[in-house]
N, C-alpha and C. Protein backbone atom coordinates (compact mmCIF):
# COMPACT_ATOMS: atom_id res chain seq x y z
N ALA A 1 -0.13 -24.60 -11.78
CA ALA A 1 0.97 -25.21 -11.07
C ALA A 1 0.84 -26.72 -11.16
N PRO A 2 1.80 -27.38 -11.75
CA PRO A 2 1.71 -28.82 -11.96
C PRO A 2 1.59 -29.63 -10.68
N ASP A 3 2.10 -29.11 -9.57
CA ASP A 3 2.08 -29.89 -8.33
C ASP A 3 0.71 -29.98 -7.68
N VAL A 4 -0.26 -29.18 -8.11
CA VAL A 4 -1.59 -29.25 -7.50
C VAL A 4 -2.56 -30.10 -8.32
N GLY A 5 -2.11 -30.60 -9.44
CA GLY A 5 -2.97 -31.45 -10.26
C GLY A 5 -3.90 -30.64 -11.14
N ARG A 6 -4.74 -31.36 -11.81
CA ARG A 6 -5.68 -30.75 -12.74
C ARG A 6 -6.78 -30.04 -11.97
N VAL A 7 -7.15 -28.85 -12.44
CA VAL A 7 -8.20 -28.07 -11.80
C VAL A 7 -9.45 -28.14 -12.66
N ARG A 8 -10.57 -28.47 -12.01
CA ARG A 8 -11.86 -28.52 -12.70
C ARG A 8 -12.72 -27.41 -12.13
N PHE A 9 -13.32 -26.63 -13.01
CA PHE A 9 -14.16 -25.52 -12.60
C PHE A 9 -15.61 -25.95 -12.55
N VAL A 10 -16.30 -25.52 -11.51
CA VAL A 10 -17.74 -25.74 -11.36
C VAL A 10 -18.37 -24.37 -11.23
N GLU A 11 -19.19 -23.98 -12.19
CA GLU A 11 -19.85 -22.68 -12.12
C GLU A 11 -21.18 -22.81 -11.42
N ALA A 12 -21.51 -21.79 -10.65
CA ALA A 12 -22.80 -21.74 -9.96
C ALA A 12 -23.38 -20.35 -10.16
N ASP A 13 -24.66 -20.31 -10.48
CA ASP A 13 -25.28 -19.00 -10.69
C ASP A 13 -26.28 -18.64 -9.59
N SER A 14 -26.26 -19.40 -8.51
CA SER A 14 -27.14 -19.08 -7.38
C SER A 14 -26.49 -19.55 -6.08
N ILE A 15 -26.94 -18.96 -5.00
CA ILE A 15 -26.44 -19.37 -3.69
C ILE A 15 -26.79 -20.83 -3.44
N ALA A 16 -27.98 -21.22 -3.84
CA ALA A 16 -28.42 -22.61 -3.63
C ALA A 16 -27.45 -23.59 -4.29
N GLN A 17 -26.99 -23.27 -5.48
CA GLN A 17 -26.05 -24.15 -6.18
C GLN A 17 -24.70 -24.22 -5.45
N VAL A 18 -24.24 -23.09 -4.96
CA VAL A 18 -22.97 -23.07 -4.21
C VAL A 18 -23.11 -23.90 -2.94
N LEU A 19 -24.18 -23.67 -2.19
CA LEU A 19 -24.40 -24.40 -0.94
C LEU A 19 -24.50 -25.90 -1.19
N ALA A 20 -25.22 -26.29 -2.24
CA ALA A 20 -25.38 -27.71 -2.55
C ALA A 20 -24.04 -28.35 -2.89
N ALA A 21 -23.23 -27.66 -3.69
CA ALA A 21 -21.92 -28.21 -4.08
C ALA A 21 -20.99 -28.33 -2.88
N VAL A 22 -20.98 -27.32 -2.02
CA VAL A 22 -20.12 -27.37 -0.84
C VAL A 22 -20.61 -28.44 0.13
N ASP A 23 -21.93 -28.49 0.36
CA ASP A 23 -22.50 -29.50 1.26
C ASP A 23 -22.19 -30.92 0.78
N ALA A 24 -22.18 -31.11 -0.54
CA ALA A 24 -21.93 -32.44 -1.11
C ALA A 24 -20.44 -32.78 -1.13
N GLY A 25 -19.59 -31.85 -0.71
CA GLY A 25 -18.15 -32.12 -0.71
C GLY A 25 -17.53 -32.11 -2.08
N GLN A 26 -18.15 -31.39 -3.01
CA GLN A 26 -17.67 -31.37 -4.40
C GLN A 26 -16.69 -30.24 -4.68
N ILE A 27 -16.42 -29.41 -3.68
CA ILE A 27 -15.62 -28.22 -3.90
C ILE A 27 -14.37 -28.26 -3.02
N ASP A 28 -13.20 -28.11 -3.64
CA ASP A 28 -11.95 -28.02 -2.90
C ASP A 28 -11.59 -26.58 -2.58
N LEU A 29 -12.06 -25.65 -3.40
CA LEU A 29 -11.77 -24.24 -3.22
C LEU A 29 -12.87 -23.46 -3.92
N ALA A 30 -13.37 -22.42 -3.27
CA ALA A 30 -14.42 -21.59 -3.87
C ALA A 30 -13.87 -20.21 -4.18
N ILE A 31 -14.19 -19.72 -5.36
CA ILE A 31 -13.88 -18.35 -5.73
C ILE A 31 -15.21 -17.64 -5.87
N LEU A 32 -15.45 -16.67 -5.00
CA LEU A 32 -16.74 -16.00 -4.93
C LEU A 32 -16.62 -14.54 -5.32
N ASP A 33 -17.64 -14.04 -6.00
CA ASP A 33 -17.71 -12.65 -6.44
C ASP A 33 -18.20 -11.79 -5.29
N GLY A 34 -17.34 -10.94 -4.77
CA GLY A 34 -17.71 -10.07 -3.67
C GLY A 34 -18.72 -9.02 -4.05
N GLU A 35 -18.93 -8.80 -5.34
CA GLU A 35 -19.86 -7.77 -5.81
C GLU A 35 -21.20 -8.34 -6.26
N ALA A 36 -21.38 -9.65 -6.20
CA ALA A 36 -22.61 -10.28 -6.69
C ALA A 36 -23.82 -9.75 -5.93
N GLN A 37 -24.94 -9.70 -6.61
CA GLN A 37 -26.20 -9.25 -6.02
C GLN A 37 -27.27 -10.29 -6.26
N PRO A 38 -28.23 -10.48 -5.42
CA PRO A 38 -28.51 -9.69 -4.23
C PRO A 38 -27.65 -10.09 -3.03
N THR A 39 -27.14 -11.30 -3.00
CA THR A 39 -26.27 -11.72 -1.90
C THR A 39 -24.86 -11.86 -2.44
N GLY A 40 -23.96 -11.09 -1.89
CA GLY A 40 -22.59 -11.09 -2.38
C GLY A 40 -21.77 -12.24 -1.86
N GLY A 41 -20.63 -12.44 -2.47
CA GLY A 41 -19.73 -13.50 -2.08
C GLY A 41 -19.19 -13.34 -0.67
N MET A 42 -19.12 -12.10 -0.18
CA MET A 42 -18.60 -11.90 1.18
C MET A 42 -19.55 -12.47 2.22
N GLY A 43 -20.83 -12.20 2.06
CA GLY A 43 -21.81 -12.75 2.99
C GLY A 43 -21.87 -14.26 2.90
N LEU A 44 -21.80 -14.78 1.68
CA LEU A 44 -21.83 -16.22 1.48
C LEU A 44 -20.58 -16.87 2.07
N SER A 45 -19.44 -16.22 1.92
CA SER A 45 -18.20 -16.74 2.50
C SER A 45 -18.33 -16.86 4.01
N ARG A 46 -18.83 -15.82 4.64
CA ARG A 46 -18.99 -15.84 6.10
C ARG A 46 -19.95 -16.95 6.52
N GLN A 47 -21.04 -17.10 5.77
CA GLN A 47 -22.01 -18.16 6.07
C GLN A 47 -21.35 -19.53 5.97
N LEU A 48 -20.64 -19.77 4.88
CA LEU A 48 -19.98 -21.07 4.69
C LEU A 48 -18.96 -21.34 5.79
N LYS A 49 -18.14 -20.35 6.11
CA LYS A 49 -17.11 -20.53 7.14
C LYS A 49 -17.71 -20.82 8.51
N ASN A 50 -18.89 -20.25 8.79
CA ASN A 50 -19.52 -20.44 10.10
C ASN A 50 -20.41 -21.67 10.17
N GLU A 51 -20.84 -22.20 9.03
CA GLU A 51 -21.81 -23.29 9.05
C GLU A 51 -21.29 -24.63 8.54
N ILE A 52 -20.19 -24.63 7.81
CA ILE A 52 -19.69 -25.87 7.20
C ILE A 52 -18.44 -26.35 7.94
N ASP A 53 -18.52 -27.56 8.48
CA ASP A 53 -17.32 -28.15 9.07
C ASP A 53 -16.30 -28.41 7.96
N ASN A 54 -15.05 -28.12 8.22
CA ASN A 54 -13.99 -28.29 7.23
C ASN A 54 -14.32 -27.58 5.92
N CYS A 55 -14.75 -26.34 6.05
CA CYS A 55 -15.09 -25.53 4.88
C CYS A 55 -13.87 -25.41 3.97
N PRO A 56 -14.09 -25.54 2.66
CA PRO A 56 -12.96 -25.38 1.74
C PRO A 56 -12.44 -23.94 1.78
N PRO A 57 -11.20 -23.73 1.36
CA PRO A 57 -10.69 -22.36 1.27
C PRO A 57 -11.57 -21.53 0.34
N ILE A 58 -11.65 -20.25 0.65
CA ILE A 58 -12.48 -19.34 -0.14
C ILE A 58 -11.65 -18.14 -0.56
N VAL A 59 -11.77 -17.80 -1.84
CA VAL A 59 -11.16 -16.60 -2.40
C VAL A 59 -12.30 -15.65 -2.76
N ILE A 60 -12.19 -14.41 -2.32
CA ILE A 60 -13.17 -13.39 -2.67
C ILE A 60 -12.56 -12.47 -3.71
N VAL A 61 -13.33 -12.17 -4.76
CA VAL A 61 -12.91 -11.23 -5.79
C VAL A 61 -13.67 -9.93 -5.56
N VAL A 62 -12.92 -8.84 -5.36
CA VAL A 62 -13.53 -7.53 -5.12
C VAL A 62 -13.19 -6.57 -6.25
N GLN A 63 -14.01 -5.56 -6.38
CA GLN A 63 -13.85 -4.58 -7.45
C GLN A 63 -12.76 -3.56 -7.12
N ARG A 64 -12.71 -3.16 -5.86
CA ARG A 64 -11.78 -2.10 -5.47
C ARG A 64 -10.77 -2.61 -4.45
N ARG A 65 -9.56 -2.17 -4.59
CA ARG A 65 -8.49 -2.53 -3.65
C ARG A 65 -8.88 -2.15 -2.22
N ASP A 66 -9.59 -1.05 -2.07
CA ASP A 66 -10.01 -0.59 -0.74
C ASP A 66 -11.01 -1.53 -0.07
N ASP A 67 -11.61 -2.44 -0.82
CA ASP A 67 -12.59 -3.37 -0.25
C ASP A 67 -11.94 -4.64 0.32
N ARG A 68 -10.64 -4.74 0.22
CA ARG A 68 -9.96 -5.95 0.72
C ARG A 68 -10.21 -6.18 2.21
N TRP A 69 -10.34 -5.11 2.97
CA TRP A 69 -10.55 -5.26 4.42
C TRP A 69 -11.86 -5.99 4.71
N LEU A 70 -12.85 -5.85 3.83
CA LEU A 70 -14.13 -6.54 4.04
C LEU A 70 -13.96 -8.05 4.01
N ALA A 71 -12.99 -8.51 3.28
CA ALA A 71 -12.76 -9.96 3.19
C ALA A 71 -12.33 -10.53 4.54
N THR A 72 -11.74 -9.71 5.39
CA THR A 72 -11.40 -10.21 6.73
C THR A 72 -12.68 -10.50 7.51
N TRP A 73 -13.70 -9.66 7.33
CA TRP A 73 -15.00 -9.91 7.96
C TRP A 73 -15.61 -11.19 7.41
N SER A 74 -15.45 -11.41 6.11
CA SER A 74 -16.07 -12.57 5.46
C SER A 74 -15.34 -13.87 5.77
N GLN A 75 -14.19 -13.78 6.43
CA GLN A 75 -13.36 -14.93 6.80
C GLN A 75 -12.75 -15.64 5.58
N ALA A 76 -12.67 -14.92 4.47
CA ALA A 76 -12.07 -15.49 3.26
C ALA A 76 -10.60 -15.79 3.50
N ASP A 77 -10.11 -16.78 2.80
CA ASP A 77 -8.71 -17.17 2.92
C ASP A 77 -7.78 -16.32 2.06
N ALA A 78 -8.35 -15.69 1.02
CA ALA A 78 -7.55 -14.84 0.14
C ALA A 78 -8.49 -13.88 -0.58
N VAL A 79 -7.89 -12.81 -1.11
CA VAL A 79 -8.65 -11.79 -1.83
C VAL A 79 -7.93 -11.48 -3.13
N LEU A 80 -8.69 -11.38 -4.20
CA LEU A 80 -8.18 -10.93 -5.49
C LEU A 80 -8.94 -9.67 -5.87
N VAL A 81 -8.26 -8.76 -6.58
CA VAL A 81 -8.85 -7.48 -6.95
C VAL A 81 -8.94 -7.38 -8.47
N HIS A 82 -10.10 -6.89 -8.95
CA HIS A 82 -10.27 -6.60 -10.38
C HIS A 82 -9.39 -5.43 -10.76
N PRO A 83 -8.84 -5.38 -11.95
CA PRO A 83 -8.85 -6.46 -12.92
C PRO A 83 -7.91 -7.57 -12.47
N LEU A 84 -8.34 -8.80 -12.69
CA LEU A 84 -7.56 -9.95 -12.23
C LEU A 84 -6.27 -10.09 -13.03
N ASP A 85 -5.20 -10.28 -12.32
CA ASP A 85 -3.93 -10.62 -12.94
C ASP A 85 -3.88 -12.14 -13.01
N PRO A 86 -3.77 -12.73 -14.20
CA PRO A 86 -3.83 -14.19 -14.30
C PRO A 86 -2.74 -14.91 -13.51
N LEU A 87 -1.55 -14.35 -13.43
CA LEU A 87 -0.48 -15.01 -12.68
C LEU A 87 -0.73 -14.95 -11.18
N THR A 88 -1.18 -13.80 -10.70
CA THR A 88 -1.49 -13.66 -9.27
C THR A 88 -2.65 -14.57 -8.89
N ALA A 89 -3.68 -14.60 -9.73
CA ALA A 89 -4.84 -15.44 -9.44
C ALA A 89 -4.44 -16.92 -9.40
N ALA A 90 -3.66 -17.36 -10.38
CA ALA A 90 -3.24 -18.76 -10.43
C ALA A 90 -2.37 -19.12 -9.23
N GLU A 91 -1.46 -18.24 -8.85
CA GLU A 91 -0.59 -18.52 -7.70
C GLU A 91 -1.39 -18.54 -6.40
N THR A 92 -2.36 -17.65 -6.26
CA THR A 92 -3.20 -17.62 -5.06
C THR A 92 -3.96 -18.93 -4.93
N VAL A 93 -4.57 -19.37 -6.01
CA VAL A 93 -5.33 -20.63 -6.00
C VAL A 93 -4.39 -21.80 -5.71
N ALA A 94 -3.24 -21.83 -6.36
CA ALA A 94 -2.29 -22.94 -6.14
C ALA A 94 -1.83 -23.00 -4.69
N GLN A 95 -1.52 -21.86 -4.09
CA GLN A 95 -1.09 -21.85 -2.69
C GLN A 95 -2.16 -22.41 -1.77
N LEU A 96 -3.41 -22.03 -2.00
CA LEU A 96 -4.50 -22.54 -1.16
C LEU A 96 -4.71 -24.04 -1.38
N LEU A 97 -4.63 -24.49 -2.63
CA LEU A 97 -4.81 -25.91 -2.90
C LEU A 97 -3.68 -26.74 -2.31
N ARG A 98 -2.48 -26.19 -2.27
CA ARG A 98 -1.35 -26.91 -1.67
C ARG A 98 -1.58 -27.15 -0.18
N GLY A 99 -2.35 -26.29 0.45
CA GLY A 99 -2.60 -26.42 1.88
C GLY A 99 -3.65 -27.45 2.25
N LEU A 100 -4.33 -28.02 1.26
CA LEU A 100 -5.36 -29.02 1.54
C LEU A 100 -4.72 -30.34 1.94
N THR A 101 -5.29 -30.99 2.95
CA THR A 101 -4.75 -32.29 3.36
C THR A 101 -5.27 -33.41 2.47
N SER A 102 -6.52 -33.31 2.06
CA SER A 102 -7.06 -34.29 1.11
C SER A 102 -8.14 -33.62 0.28
N PRO A 103 -7.99 -33.64 -1.03
CA PRO A 103 -8.97 -32.98 -1.88
C PRO A 103 -10.31 -33.70 -1.87
N ALA A 104 -11.38 -32.91 -1.99
CA ALA A 104 -12.72 -33.48 -2.07
C ALA A 104 -12.95 -34.09 -3.44
N VAL A 105 -12.38 -33.45 -4.46
CA VAL A 105 -12.57 -33.90 -5.83
C VAL A 105 -11.28 -34.52 -6.31
N ARG A 106 -11.36 -35.70 -6.80
CA ARG A 106 -10.18 -36.38 -7.33
C ARG A 106 -10.33 -36.52 -8.84
N ALA A 107 -9.23 -36.28 -9.55
CA ALA A 107 -9.26 -36.35 -11.02
C ALA A 107 -9.33 -37.78 -11.48
């Protein structure tokens, strides 16, 4: 969506990397894998929402449509289901980014 500006992806392969990036204010929106092991994105989402002031919006990706209810526990702002539909995923991210008052990362 052109109105949200350029999107830059930051990959993290550990909880420590996610926490460091969010703590440093480098993340405007997090997309977390709800199926990741040993600590899944749902638990991490709940931790971030409860511990970070002005936590960025969080999208949880789940394997099964029936797992969407778990995202309410995780306090995620949105849920995407595998297999990801590129248009739905892009629109979900754009809607959440539009709701930000000031982005942490500027292009």
